[in-house]
C-alpha cells in the first residue's frame, strides 16, 4: 500500500481545541519527530506525569525556558479524577492541549487513556502524533513471533493476584508483552518460571540508550542474570506464548466404543459424532465415518 508522505510537519498544528497525544523519546532524544516538536512547542498546555521530568525534556529539546513555552500540568494516577474536568474545560475553551508520558506513547498504562475517553465522549477532537513505544520496540527486536501478540502491561503487584493472572494467561498462544518495575522483576521472573515454565524470553531495558540491554533467551537464563546483576530502570518483557496443543491421538477402537456408547444413550449417529468431536478435537466427519466402519 502506497501513501503520500511528507517530511515536513503538518501545517496548522497545533490547532485550537484539539487534544494531542504526543509520543516522546524512550531514551534517545533524536527519536522525537519534527511534527512532535512542532506540536509540543505550540500547545497551550502539556499534561504530563511528572512536571520536573517533562520540563527537563522540553528544555533539552529547546521547547521551554523559564519564561516561555507551554504550561506544564501534572496529570497522573493520583490526581486524575480532579484534573480531568480542568483539561476538558481548557479544550472546550479552545486551548490546544498535549498529553505526554514520562517516556514513549501516552495512553498505554497511564492516565492518558481516561482523558482520551472523556474527550471522545464530549465530541472533542483527539489526534495522536506517533512516536517511540517500548512495547513495539522491545517486541520487534526480541526475535520472538511478532505477527500476533498480547500486551498485558503491569501485572498485579501482589504475589497471589499476579500468579492468578499468570494462570489465566497460561494458555495464551500469542507472544506476551509485559512491563515491570526493577524492584519487582525478580519476583515476576520467579512466578513466570513456576507458573508458565521456562519459555523463551527477552527482558529489554534502557531501550534506545547507550547501554541498551536485552537479556534472555529464556526465563531461567534471565532469572540467573538478574540474580547476579540487579536490574535498573523499568523493564519490558517479551515472553513466548504457550506451545500449540498437540493434535489429539487417533485411537479407532477407543473412539468407536465412545461413539457406540453415545448412540446407546439415545443420540443419533450425527449427534454422537458431533458430541465426541467437541470433546476430543477430532473431525466430526471422520468420527461419523468411523462409527459406520466395521470394527
Protein backbone atom coordinates (compact mmCIF):
# COMPACT_ATOMS: atom_id res chain seq x y z
CA UNK A 1 0.00 0.00 0.00
CA UNK A 2 1.47 3.36 -1.04
CA UNK A 3 0.67 6.63 0.69
CA UNK A 4 1.75 10.19 0.02
CA UNK A 5 4.18 11.25 2.72
CA UNK A 6 5.96 14.46 3.61
CA UNK A 7 8.96 15.07 5.82
CA UNK A 8 7.51 18.43 6.88
CA UNK A 9 5.32 18.81 9.98
CA UNK A 10 1.59 19.15 9.36
CA UNK A 11 0.62 22.77 8.67
CA UNK A 12 -1.75 24.41 11.13
CA UNK A 13 -0.71 22.26 14.09
CA UNK A 14 -1.34 22.55 16.90
CA UNK A 15 -4.95 23.50 16.25
CA UNK A 16 -7.19 25.09 18.92
CA UNK A 17 -9.46 22.81 20.92
CA UNK A 18 -7.58 19.65 19.96
CA UNK A 19 -6.19 17.05 22.34
CA UNK A 20 -2.83 15.77 21.08
CA UNK A 21 -1.27 12.52 22.25
CA UNK A 22 2.42 13.01 21.60
CA UNK A 23 5.00 10.23 21.60
CA UNK A 24 8.22 11.28 23.33
CA UNK A 25 11.63 9.55 23.33
CA UNK A 26 12.02 6.42 25.44
CA UNK A 27 15.73 7.13 25.68
CA UNK A 28 17.37 8.72 22.66
CA UNK A 29 16.37 12.38 22.23
CA UNK A 30 16.94 12.11 18.49
CA UNK A 31 13.81 9.95 18.22
CA UNK A 32 11.45 12.92 18.69
CA UNK A 33 9.79 13.60 15.35
CA UNK A 34 9.70 17.10 13.76
CA UNK A 35 5.91 17.03 14.00
CA UNK A 36 6.01 16.19 17.71
CA UNK A 37 8.46 19.03 18.26
CA UNK A 38 6.14 21.45 16.46
CA UNK A 39 3.09 20.39 18.46
CA UNK A 40 4.83 20.44 21.84
CA UNK A 41 6.30 23.85 21.09
CA UNK A 42 2.94 25.34 20.16
CA UNK A 43 0.28 23.95 22.50
CA UNK A 44 -1.12 25.99 25.35
CA UNK A 45 -0.51 23.34 27.98
CA UNK A 46 1.09 19.93 28.34
CA UNK A 47 -0.43 17.34 30.67
CA UNK A 48 2.36 15.11 31.96
CA UNK A 49 3.06 12.53 34.64
CA UNK A 50 5.98 14.41 36.20
CA UNK A 51 6.37 18.16 35.55
CA UNK A 52 10.04 18.18 36.58
CA UNK A 53 10.96 15.32 34.27
CA UNK A 54 8.88 16.63 31.37
CA UNK A 55 10.13 20.18 31.97
CA UNK A 56 13.71 18.94 31.67
CA UNK A 57 12.86 17.05 28.48
CA UNK A 58 11.27 20.10 26.85
CA UNK A 59 14.20 22.26 27.99
CA UNK A 60 16.70 19.79 26.48
CA UNK A 61 14.72 19.92 23.24
CA UNK A 62 14.77 23.73 23.25
CA UNK A 63 10.98 23.93 23.60
CA UNK A 64 10.70 25.52 27.02
CA UNK A 65 12.58 28.04 29.11
CA UNK A 66 11.84 29.73 32.41
CA UNK A 67 9.58 32.32 30.79
CA UNK A 68 8.48 30.71 27.52
CA UNK A 69 6.84 27.51 26.40
CA UNK A 70 3.68 25.58 27.19
CA UNK A 71 2.27 25.41 30.69
CA UNK A 72 3.04 22.06 32.32
CA UNK A 73 0.15 20.44 34.21
CA UNK A 74 0.71 17.37 36.42
CA UNK A 75 -1.60 14.57 35.34
CA UNK A 76 -1.09 11.18 36.95
CA UNK A 77 -2.99 8.35 38.64
CA UNK A 78 -3.21 10.19 41.97
CA UNK A 79 -4.83 13.40 40.64
CA UNK A 80 -6.55 12.06 37.53
CA UNK A 81 -10.14 12.46 38.77
CA UNK A 82 -9.59 16.06 39.86
CA UNK A 83 -7.55 17.08 36.81
CA UNK A 84 -9.81 15.67 34.08
CA UNK A 85 -12.52 18.40 34.31
CA UNK A 86 -9.87 21.13 34.14
CA UNK A 87 -8.28 19.72 30.98
CA UNK A 88 -11.65 19.14 29.31
CA UNK A 89 -12.70 22.69 30.15
CA UNK A 90 -9.48 24.01 28.60
CA UNK A 91 -10.15 22.07 25.40
CA UNK A 92 -13.73 23.33 25.24
CA UNK A 93 -12.42 26.89 25.69
CA UNK A 94 -10.27 26.46 22.58
CA UNK A 95 -6.89 25.59 24.06
CA UNK A 96 -4.60 23.15 22.33
CA UNK A 97 -3.59 20.50 24.87
CA UNK A 98 -0.87 17.88 24.56
CA UNK A 99 -0.56 14.75 26.68
CA UNK A 100 2.81 13.10 27.16
CA UNK A 101 4.02 10.26 29.37
CA UNK A 102 7.39 10.10 31.09
CA UNK A 103 8.62 8.25 28.00
CA UNK A 104 7.00 6.75 24.92
CA UNK A 105 3.47 6.88 23.61
CA UNK A 106 0.90 8.16 26.12
CA UNK A 107 -2.34 6.34 26.80
CA UNK A 108 -0.70 2.97 27.49
CA UNK A 109 -0.60 2.13 31.21
CA UNK A 110 -1.07 5.80 32.17
CA UNK A 111 -3.93 8.32 32.74
CA UNK A 112 -3.90 9.45 29.10
CA UNK A 113 -6.37 6.67 28.34
CA UNK A 114 -9.03 8.16 30.63
CA UNK A 115 -8.59 11.66 29.19
CA UNK A 116 -8.96 10.40 25.62
CA UNK A 117 -12.15 8.52 26.52
CA UNK A 118 -13.61 11.61 28.25
CA UNK A 119 -12.69 13.89 25.34
CA UNK A 120 -14.22 11.50 22.81
CA UNK A 121 -17.39 11.26 24.89
CA UNK A 122 -17.74 15.07 24.61
CA UNK A 123 -17.12 15.02 20.86
CA UNK A 124 -13.74 16.76 21.17
CA UNK A 125 -11.10 16.03 18.51
CA UNK A 126 -8.23 13.77 19.53
CA UNK A 127 -5.11 13.38 17.40
CA UNK A 128 -2.17 11.07 18.02
CA UNK A 129 1.29 12.21 16.96
CA UNK A 130 3.01 8.80 16.74
CA UNK A 131 6.36 8.22 18.30
CA UNK A 132 8.57 5.80 20.21
CA UNK A 133 6.88 2.97 22.10
CA UNK A 134 8.63 0.50 24.41
CA UNK A 135 6.07 -2.21 23.58
CA UNK A 136 6.77 -2.43 19.86
CA UNK A 137 10.47 -1.57 20.18
CA UNK A 138 11.09 -4.47 22.54
CA UNK A 139 8.79 -6.79 20.58
CA UNK A 140 10.31 -6.41 17.12
CA UNK A 141 13.88 -6.69 18.44
CA UNK A 142 13.21 -9.75 20.62
CA UNK A 143 13.40 -12.42 17.93
CA UNK A 144 10.04 -13.81 19.08
CA UNK A 145 6.94 -14.02 16.84
CA UNK A 146 5.53 -10.53 16.22
CA UNK A 147 2.61 -11.24 13.90
CA UNK A 148 0.20 -11.74 16.79
CA UNK A 149 0.93 -10.52 20.29
CA UNK A 150 -0.87 -9.70 23.53
CA UNK A 151 0.03 -6.66 25.66
CA UNK A 152 -0.61 -7.11 29.38
CA UNK A 153 1.26 -4.12 30.80
CA UNK A 154 1.94 -4.25 34.53
CA UNK A 155 0.67 -7.38 36.26
CA UNK A 156 -0.78 -7.05 39.79
CA UNK A 157 1.97 -6.24 42.33
CA UNK A 158 0.62 -8.59 45.00
CA UNK A 159 2.05 -12.13 44.59
CA UNK A 160 -1.22 -14.06 44.87
CA UNK A 161 -3.02 -11.83 42.37
CA UNK A 162 -0.05 -11.87 39.99
CA UNK A 163 0.13 -15.68 39.96
CA UNK A 164 -3.62 -15.89 39.44
CA UNK A 165 -3.35 -13.62 36.40
CA UNK A 166 -0.47 -15.71 35.03
CA UNK A 167 -2.57 -18.84 35.42
CA UNK A 168 -5.27 -17.15 33.34
CA UNK A 169 -2.66 -16.41 30.66
CA UNK A 170 -1.14 -19.90 30.69
CA UNK A 171 -2.96 -21.00 27.53
CA UNK A 172 -2.35 -17.77 25.55
CA UNK A 173 -0.51 -18.78 22.38
CA UNK A 174 0.37 -15.25 21.27
CA UNK A 175 3.63 -13.59 22.30
CA UNK A 176 3.10 -11.70 25.57
CA UNK A 177 4.50 -8.24 26.34
CA UNK A 178 4.72 -7.12 29.97
CA UNK A 179 6.01 -4.10 31.90
CA UNK A 180 7.69 -4.39 35.27
CA UNK A 181 9.47 -2.14 37.75
CA UNK A 182 13.06 -3.13 38.61
CA UNK A 183 12.32 -3.85 42.28
CA UNK A 184 9.68 -6.44 41.32
CA UNK A 185 11.43 -8.02 38.32
CA UNK A 186 12.94 -10.98 40.18
CA UNK A 187 9.59 -11.85 41.76
CA UNK A 188 7.91 -11.73 38.35
CA UNK A 189 10.59 -13.93 36.75
CA UNK A 190 10.26 -16.47 39.57
CA UNK A 191 6.48 -16.54 39.09
CA UNK A 192 6.83 -16.89 35.31
CA UNK A 193 9.09 -19.89 35.79
CA UNK A 194 6.83 -21.50 38.39
CA UNK A 195 3.51 -20.91 36.62
CA UNK A 196 4.34 -20.91 32.90
CA UNK A 197 7.62 -22.82 32.76
CA UNK A 198 10.93 -21.96 31.12
CA UNK A 199 9.70 -20.25 27.98
CA UNK A 200 11.63 -18.07 25.50
CA UNK A 201 12.01 -14.57 26.96
CA UNK A 202 13.68 -11.25 26.24
CA UNK A 203 13.93 -8.66 29.02
CA UNK A 204 14.62 -5.26 27.49
CA UNK A 205 15.88 -2.28 29.48
CA UNK A 206 17.43 1.09 28.64
CA UNK A 207 15.91 0.84 25.15
CA UNK A 208 17.45 3.21 22.56
CA UNK A 209 20.05 4.37 25.11
CA UNK A 210 23.79 3.81 25.02
CA UNK A 211 23.63 0.88 27.43
CA UNK A 212 20.56 -0.79 25.93
CA UNK A 213 20.31 -4.38 27.14
CA UNK A 214 18.18 -7.35 26.15
CA UNK A 215 18.55 -10.35 28.46
CA UNK A 216 17.43 -13.90 27.66
CA UNK A 217 16.92 -16.12 25.80
CA UNK A 218 14.78 -17.92 28.41
CA UNK A 219 13.05 -17.19 31.71
CA UNK A 220 15.62 -19.26 33.61
CA UNK A 221 18.57 -17.52 31.95
CA UNK A 222 17.12 -14.07 32.66
CA UNK A 223 16.45 -15.02 36.28
CA UNK A 224 20.04 -16.18 36.78
CA UNK A 225 21.37 -12.98 35.15
CA UNK A 226 19.36 -10.58 37.29
CA UNK A 227 20.07 -12.50 40.48
CA UNK A 228 23.72 -11.57 39.95
CA UNK A 229 23.13 -8.19 38.27
CA UNK A 230 20.33 -6.20 39.96
CA UNK A 231 18.07 -4.61 37.33
CA UNK A 232 17.85 -0.85 36.96
CA UNK A 233 15.13 1.06 35.16
CA UNK A 234 11.72 -0.10 34.03
CA UNK A 235 11.81 -3.35 32.05
CA UNK A 236 9.80 -4.56 29.08
CA UNK A 237 9.45 -8.35 28.91
CA UNK A 238 8.64 -10.20 25.69
CA UNK A 239 7.56 -13.74 26.52
CA UNK A 240 6.95 -16.63 24.17
CA UNK A 241 3.33 -17.79 24.02
CA UNK A 242 2.04 -21.16 25.14
CA UNK A 243 3.08 -24.04 22.86
CA UNK A 244 0.34 -25.13 20.48
CA UNK A 245 -1.53 -28.14 21.87
CA UNK A 246 -0.52 -31.49 20.47
CA UNK A 247 -3.01 -32.93 17.96
CA UNK A 248 -5.41 -35.43 19.52
CA UNK A 249 -4.38 -39.08 19.27
CA UNK A 250 -6.47 -41.10 16.86
CA UNK A 251 -7.33 -44.44 18.51
CA UNK A 252 -10.07 -46.01 16.34
CA UNK A 253 -11.17 -48.75 18.75
CA UNK A 254 -11.49 -46.41 21.74
CA UNK A 255 -13.25 -43.72 19.73
CA UNK A 256 -15.67 -46.25 18.19
CA UNK A 257 -16.61 -47.53 21.65
CA UNK A 258 -17.27 -43.98 22.83
CA UNK A 259 -19.44 -43.32 19.79
CA UNK A 260 -21.40 -46.52 20.31
CA UNK A 261 -21.96 -45.63 23.96
CA UNK A 262 -23.34 -42.23 22.94
CA UNK A 263 -25.68 -43.86 20.41
CA UNK A 264 -26.77 -46.41 23.02
CA UNK A 265 -27.59 -43.46 25.25
CA UNK A 266 -30.09 -42.15 22.73
CA UNK A 267 -28.11 -39.91 20.37
CA UNK A 268 -28.26 -40.25 16.62
CA UNK A 269 -25.08 -41.10 14.74
CA UNK A 270 -24.62 -37.48 13.65
CA UNK A 271 -25.21 -36.11 17.16
CA UNK A 272 -22.85 -38.68 18.65
CA UNK A 273 -20.12 -37.70 16.18
CA UNK A 274 -20.69 -34.00 16.89
CA UNK A 275 -20.57 -34.52 20.67
CA UNK A 276 -17.37 -36.55 20.55
CA UNK A 277 -15.79 -34.10 18.09
CA UNK A 278 -16.31 -31.23 20.56
CA UNK A 279 -14.86 -33.33 23.36
CA UNK A 280 -11.91 -34.90 21.58
CA UNK A 281 -10.88 -32.36 18.95
CA UNK A 282 -11.26 -34.85 16.10
CA UNK A 283 -13.14 -34.17 12.89
CA UNK A 284 -16.91 -34.74 13.13
CA UNK A 285 -16.95 -36.25 9.65
CA UNK A 286 -14.10 -38.65 10.46
CA UNK A 287 -15.87 -39.78 13.63
CA UNK A 288 -19.16 -40.29 11.80
CA UNK A 289 -17.36 -42.39 9.17
CA UNK A 290 -15.65 -44.39 11.93
CA UNK A 291 -19.00 -45.19 13.52
CA UNK A 292 -20.12 -46.90 10.34
CA UNK A 293 -16.92 -48.81 9.69
CA UNK A 294 -16.67 -52.40 10.68
CA UNK A 295 -14.51 -52.92 13.77
